[in-house]
Amino acid sequence: MATMLAVKTPTTLAAIRAEALFVSAVQAGDAPTPDQVRRAVAETLRRLGVRGCAAQLAGEFGDHPETAVARMTWALETVSTVYAAPSALPAPLPRPLALAS
């Protein structure tokens, strides 16, 4: 009997951020702060662009699949935590429109 695992699929933006973090110099063992993660993601995207990050990521999975899976898992989890959506606040009530005379 197969067991189904619940897997949260990242949004496109989260996946791009995780790819950038994956190919950055930041290491999981460094226990980076949220600011360090945001800075690394921004700098890596600026330097390589989205396609450059994807290309380097693919190369790492091809060259080092045994470590790439663990690093990508870390990158996805870290991005999910650092860029977590703010708690949903109730939308402000619409204000009545002023009528021009």
N, C-alpha and C. Protein backbone atom coordinates (compact mmCIF):
# COMPACT_ATOMS: atom_id res chain seq x y z
N MET A 1 0.84 -1.16 0.00
CA MET A 1 0.00 0.00 0.00
C MET A 1 0.89 1.23 0.00
N ALA A 2 0.77 2.06 -1.01
CA ALA A 2 1.60 3.25 -1.15
C ALA A 2 1.06 4.36 -0.26
N THR A 3 1.97 5.12 0.32
CA THR A 3 1.60 6.25 1.15
C THR A 3 1.82 7.52 0.35
N MET A 4 0.82 8.39 0.36
CA MET A 4 0.94 9.67 -0.34
C MET A 4 1.54 10.69 0.62
N LEU A 5 2.54 11.42 0.16
CA LEU A 5 3.13 12.48 0.95
C LEU A 5 2.56 13.82 0.49
N ALA A 6 2.27 14.65 1.43
CA ALA A 6 1.80 16.00 1.07
C ALA A 6 3.01 16.84 0.72
N VAL A 7 3.04 17.33 -0.48
CA VAL A 7 4.16 18.15 -0.94
C VAL A 7 3.60 19.50 -1.34
N LYS A 8 4.16 20.53 -0.75
CA LYS A 8 3.72 21.88 -1.09
C LYS A 8 4.51 22.32 -2.32
N THR A 9 3.80 22.61 -3.39
CA THR A 9 4.45 23.06 -4.61
C THR A 9 4.76 24.54 -4.48
N PRO A 10 6.03 24.92 -4.69
CA PRO A 10 6.36 26.33 -4.55
C PRO A 10 5.78 27.15 -5.70
N THR A 11 5.54 28.42 -5.42
CA THR A 11 5.13 29.32 -6.48
C THR A 11 6.32 29.53 -7.40
N THR A 12 6.08 30.10 -8.55
CA THR A 12 7.17 30.37 -9.47
C THR A 12 8.21 31.28 -8.83
N LEU A 13 7.76 32.32 -8.14
CA LEU A 13 8.69 33.24 -7.50
C LEU A 13 9.50 32.53 -6.41
N ALA A 14 8.86 31.68 -5.64
CA ALA A 14 9.57 30.93 -4.60
C ALA A 14 10.60 30.00 -5.23
N ALA A 15 10.25 29.36 -6.34
CA ALA A 15 11.19 28.46 -7.01
C ALA A 15 12.39 29.24 -7.54
N ILE A 16 12.15 30.42 -8.10
CA ILE A 16 13.25 31.24 -8.61
C ILE A 16 14.17 31.67 -7.46
N ARG A 17 13.57 32.08 -6.36
CA ARG A 17 14.37 32.47 -5.20
C ARG A 17 15.19 31.29 -4.67
N ALA A 18 14.57 30.11 -4.62
CA ALA A 18 15.27 28.91 -4.14
C ALA A 18 16.43 28.55 -5.08
N GLU A 19 16.22 28.68 -6.38
CA GLU A 19 17.31 28.42 -7.33
C GLU A 19 18.46 29.39 -7.09
N ALA A 20 18.15 30.66 -6.88
CA ALA A 20 19.18 31.66 -6.63
C ALA A 20 19.93 31.36 -5.34
N LEU A 21 19.20 30.98 -4.30
CA LEU A 21 19.85 30.63 -3.03
C LEU A 21 20.71 29.39 -3.21
N PHE A 22 20.21 28.42 -3.95
CA PHE A 22 20.94 27.17 -4.21
C PHE A 22 22.30 27.47 -4.83
N VAL A 23 22.36 28.34 -5.83
CA VAL A 23 23.62 28.60 -6.55
C VAL A 23 24.45 29.70 -5.91
N SER A 24 23.94 30.31 -4.83
CA SER A 24 24.72 31.34 -4.13
C SER A 24 25.81 30.67 -3.29
N ALA A 25 26.64 31.51 -2.70
CA ALA A 25 27.72 31.00 -1.85
C ALA A 25 27.24 30.67 -0.43
N VAL A 26 26.02 31.03 -0.10
CA VAL A 26 25.48 30.78 1.24
C VAL A 26 25.33 29.28 1.46
N GLN A 27 25.75 28.82 2.62
CA GLN A 27 25.68 27.40 2.95
C GLN A 27 24.70 27.18 4.10
N ALA A 28 24.03 26.05 4.08
CA ALA A 28 23.07 25.72 5.14
C ALA A 28 23.76 25.71 6.50
N GLY A 29 24.96 25.20 6.55
CA GLY A 29 25.71 25.12 7.81
C GLY A 29 26.06 26.47 8.40
N ASP A 30 25.98 27.52 7.57
CA ASP A 30 26.26 28.87 8.06
C ASP A 30 25.10 29.42 8.89
N ALA A 31 23.96 28.75 8.85
CA ALA A 31 22.74 29.21 9.53
C ALA A 31 22.50 30.69 9.21
N PRO A 32 22.29 31.00 7.92
CA PRO A 32 22.16 32.41 7.53
C PRO A 32 20.90 33.06 8.11
N THR A 33 21.01 34.33 8.40
CA THR A 33 19.87 35.10 8.88
C THR A 33 18.94 35.39 7.70
N PRO A 34 17.71 35.75 7.97
CA PRO A 34 16.81 36.11 6.86
C PRO A 34 17.38 37.22 5.98
N ASP A 35 18.03 38.22 6.60
CA ASP A 35 18.62 39.30 5.80
C ASP A 35 19.74 38.77 4.90
N GLN A 36 20.55 37.85 5.41
CA GLN A 36 21.62 37.27 4.59
C GLN A 36 21.04 36.48 3.42
N VAL A 37 19.96 35.77 3.66
CA VAL A 37 19.30 35.00 2.59
C VAL A 37 18.75 35.95 1.54
N ARG A 38 18.03 36.98 1.97
CA ARG A 38 17.47 37.94 1.01
C ARG A 38 18.56 38.62 0.19
N ARG A 39 19.65 38.99 0.85
CA ARG A 39 20.76 39.62 0.16
C ARG A 39 21.40 38.67 -0.85
N ALA A 40 21.60 37.42 -0.45
CA ALA A 40 22.21 36.43 -1.34
C ALA A 40 21.32 36.16 -2.55
N VAL A 41 20.03 36.05 -2.32
CA VAL A 41 19.09 35.82 -3.43
C VAL A 41 19.12 37.00 -4.39
N ALA A 42 19.04 38.21 -3.86
CA ALA A 42 19.02 39.41 -4.71
C ALA A 42 20.33 39.54 -5.49
N GLU A 43 21.45 39.35 -4.83
CA GLU A 43 22.75 39.51 -5.50
C GLU A 43 22.95 38.43 -6.57
N THR A 44 22.55 37.22 -6.27
CA THR A 44 22.72 36.13 -7.24
C THR A 44 21.83 36.35 -8.45
N LEU A 45 20.59 36.77 -8.23
CA LEU A 45 19.70 37.05 -9.36
C LEU A 45 20.22 38.22 -10.19
N ARG A 46 20.76 39.24 -9.52
CA ARG A 46 21.32 40.38 -10.25
C ARG A 46 22.52 39.94 -11.10
N ARG A 47 23.35 39.09 -10.53
CA ARG A 47 24.59 38.66 -11.20
C ARG A 47 24.31 37.67 -12.33
N LEU A 48 23.45 36.69 -12.08
CA LEU A 48 23.25 35.60 -13.05
C LEU A 48 21.95 35.70 -13.84
N GLY A 49 20.95 36.35 -13.28
CA GLY A 49 19.63 36.36 -13.89
C GLY A 49 18.92 35.03 -13.63
N VAL A 50 17.66 34.99 -13.98
CA VAL A 50 16.85 33.80 -13.74
C VAL A 50 17.40 32.61 -14.54
N ARG A 51 17.69 32.84 -15.81
CA ARG A 51 18.18 31.73 -16.65
C ARG A 51 19.55 31.25 -16.21
N GLY A 52 20.40 32.16 -15.79
CA GLY A 52 21.73 31.77 -15.32
C GLY A 52 21.66 30.91 -14.08
N CYS A 53 20.75 31.27 -13.16
CA CYS A 53 20.57 30.46 -11.96
C CYS A 53 20.07 29.07 -12.32
N ALA A 54 19.09 29.01 -13.23
CA ALA A 54 18.54 27.72 -13.65
C ALA A 54 19.61 26.87 -14.32
N ALA A 55 20.45 27.49 -15.12
CA ALA A 55 21.51 26.73 -15.81
C ALA A 55 22.52 26.17 -14.82
N GLN A 56 22.91 26.98 -13.84
CA GLN A 56 23.87 26.48 -12.84
C GLN A 56 23.25 25.40 -11.97
N LEU A 57 21.98 25.57 -11.64
CA LEU A 57 21.26 24.57 -10.86
C LEU A 57 21.25 23.23 -11.61
N ALA A 58 20.92 23.28 -12.89
CA ALA A 58 20.89 22.06 -13.70
C ALA A 58 22.26 21.39 -13.73
N GLY A 59 23.29 22.20 -13.87
CA GLY A 59 24.65 21.66 -13.87
C GLY A 59 24.99 20.95 -12.58
N GLU A 60 24.59 21.55 -11.46
CA GLU A 60 24.86 20.93 -10.15
C GLU A 60 24.11 19.62 -10.00
N PHE A 61 22.85 19.58 -10.46
CA PHE A 61 22.10 18.32 -10.38
C PHE A 61 22.72 17.26 -11.27
N GLY A 62 23.28 17.69 -12.41
CA GLY A 62 23.95 16.73 -13.29
C GLY A 62 25.27 16.25 -12.73
N ASP A 63 26.03 17.16 -12.14
CA ASP A 63 27.37 16.82 -11.64
C ASP A 63 27.36 16.21 -10.24
N HIS A 64 26.45 16.66 -9.38
CA HIS A 64 26.45 16.22 -7.98
C HIS A 64 25.03 15.93 -7.49
N PRO A 65 24.35 14.97 -8.12
CA PRO A 65 22.95 14.72 -7.71
C PRO A 65 22.82 14.28 -6.26
N GLU A 66 23.84 13.66 -5.73
CA GLU A 66 23.76 13.16 -4.35
C GLU A 66 23.70 14.29 -3.33
N THR A 67 24.26 15.45 -3.63
CA THR A 67 24.21 16.58 -2.70
C THR A 67 23.20 17.64 -3.14
N ALA A 68 22.89 17.66 -4.41
CA ALA A 68 21.99 18.70 -4.93
C ALA A 68 20.58 18.58 -4.36
N VAL A 69 20.11 17.38 -4.17
CA VAL A 69 18.75 17.19 -3.64
C VAL A 69 18.63 17.77 -2.24
N ALA A 70 19.60 17.48 -1.39
CA ALA A 70 19.57 18.00 -0.02
C ALA A 70 19.69 19.52 -0.02
N ARG A 71 20.55 20.06 -0.88
CA ARG A 71 20.72 21.52 -0.92
C ARG A 71 19.45 22.20 -1.43
N MET A 72 18.80 21.61 -2.44
CA MET A 72 17.58 22.22 -2.95
C MET A 72 16.46 22.13 -1.92
N THR A 73 16.38 21.05 -1.19
CA THR A 73 15.40 20.92 -0.12
C THR A 73 15.60 22.03 0.91
N TRP A 74 16.86 22.24 1.29
CA TRP A 74 17.19 23.32 2.23
C TRP A 74 16.81 24.68 1.64
N ALA A 75 17.16 24.91 0.39
CA ALA A 75 16.87 26.20 -0.26
C ALA A 75 15.37 26.47 -0.30
N LEU A 76 14.59 25.47 -0.67
CA LEU A 76 13.13 25.64 -0.73
C LEU A 76 12.55 25.92 0.65
N GLU A 77 13.00 25.18 1.65
CA GLU A 77 12.50 25.39 3.02
C GLU A 77 12.90 26.76 3.54
N THR A 78 14.13 27.16 3.26
CA THR A 78 14.63 28.46 3.73
C THR A 78 13.87 29.60 3.08
N VAL A 79 13.68 29.52 1.77
CA VAL A 79 12.93 30.55 1.06
C VAL A 79 11.50 30.62 1.57
N SER A 80 10.90 29.47 1.81
CA SER A 80 9.53 29.43 2.32
C SER A 80 9.43 30.13 3.67
N THR A 81 10.44 29.98 4.50
CA THR A 81 10.45 30.61 5.82
C THR A 81 10.75 32.11 5.72
N VAL A 82 11.79 32.45 4.97
CA VAL A 82 12.24 33.84 4.90
C VAL A 82 11.23 34.73 4.19
N TYR A 83 10.64 34.19 3.13
CA TYR A 83 9.69 34.98 2.35
C TYR A 83 8.24 34.58 2.65
N ALA A 84 7.99 34.13 3.86
CA ALA A 84 6.64 33.68 4.23
C ALA A 84 5.65 34.82 4.03
N ALA A 85 4.49 34.46 3.54
CA ALA A 85 3.43 35.46 3.33
C ALA A 85 3.00 35.99 4.69
N PRO A 86 2.81 37.28 4.78
CA PRO A 86 2.33 37.82 6.05
C PRO A 86 0.96 37.24 6.37
N SER A 87 0.67 37.16 7.65
CA SER A 87 -0.63 36.61 8.01
C SER A 87 -1.72 37.46 7.36
N ALA A 88 -2.75 36.79 6.98
CA ALA A 88 -3.82 37.47 6.27
C ALA A 88 -4.52 38.47 7.19
N LEU A 89 -4.47 39.70 6.81
CA LEU A 89 -5.18 40.73 7.54
C LEU A 89 -6.49 41.00 6.83
N PRO A 90 -7.52 41.32 7.57
CA PRO A 90 -8.78 41.61 6.88
C PRO A 90 -8.61 42.84 6.00
N ALA A 91 -9.22 42.79 4.85
CA ALA A 91 -9.16 43.91 3.92
C ALA A 91 -9.94 45.08 4.51
N PRO A 92 -9.42 46.28 4.31
CA PRO A 92 -10.17 47.42 4.84
C PRO A 92 -11.51 47.53 4.14
N LEU A 93 -12.48 48.01 4.87
CA LEU A 93 -13.81 48.18 4.29
C LEU A 93 -13.76 49.29 3.25
N PRO A 94 -14.51 49.15 2.17
CA PRO A 94 -14.50 50.21 1.16
C PRO A 94 -15.08 51.49 1.75
N ARG A 95 -14.47 52.58 1.33
CA ARG A 95 -14.95 53.88 1.79
C ARG A 95 -15.96 54.41 0.78
N PRO A 96 -16.94 55.13 1.25
CA PRO A 96 -17.93 55.67 0.31
C PRO A 96 -17.26 56.68 -0.62
N LEU A 97 -17.67 56.67 -1.84
CA LEU A 97 -17.12 57.59 -2.82
C LEU A 97 -17.73 58.97 -2.61
N ALA A 98 -16.89 59.97 -2.75
CA ALA A 98 -17.39 61.34 -2.66
C ALA A 98 -17.94 61.71 -4.03
N LEU A 99 -19.07 62.27 -4.05
CA LEU A 99 -19.68 62.66 -5.30
C LEU A 99 -19.33 64.10 -5.62
N ALA A 100 -18.85 64.31 -6.82
CA ALA A 100 -18.52 65.68 -7.24
C ALA A 100 -19.80 66.39 -7.64
N SER A 101 -19.87 67.66 -7.31
CA SER A 101 -21.07 68.38 -7.71
C SER A 101 -20.79 69.33 -8.85
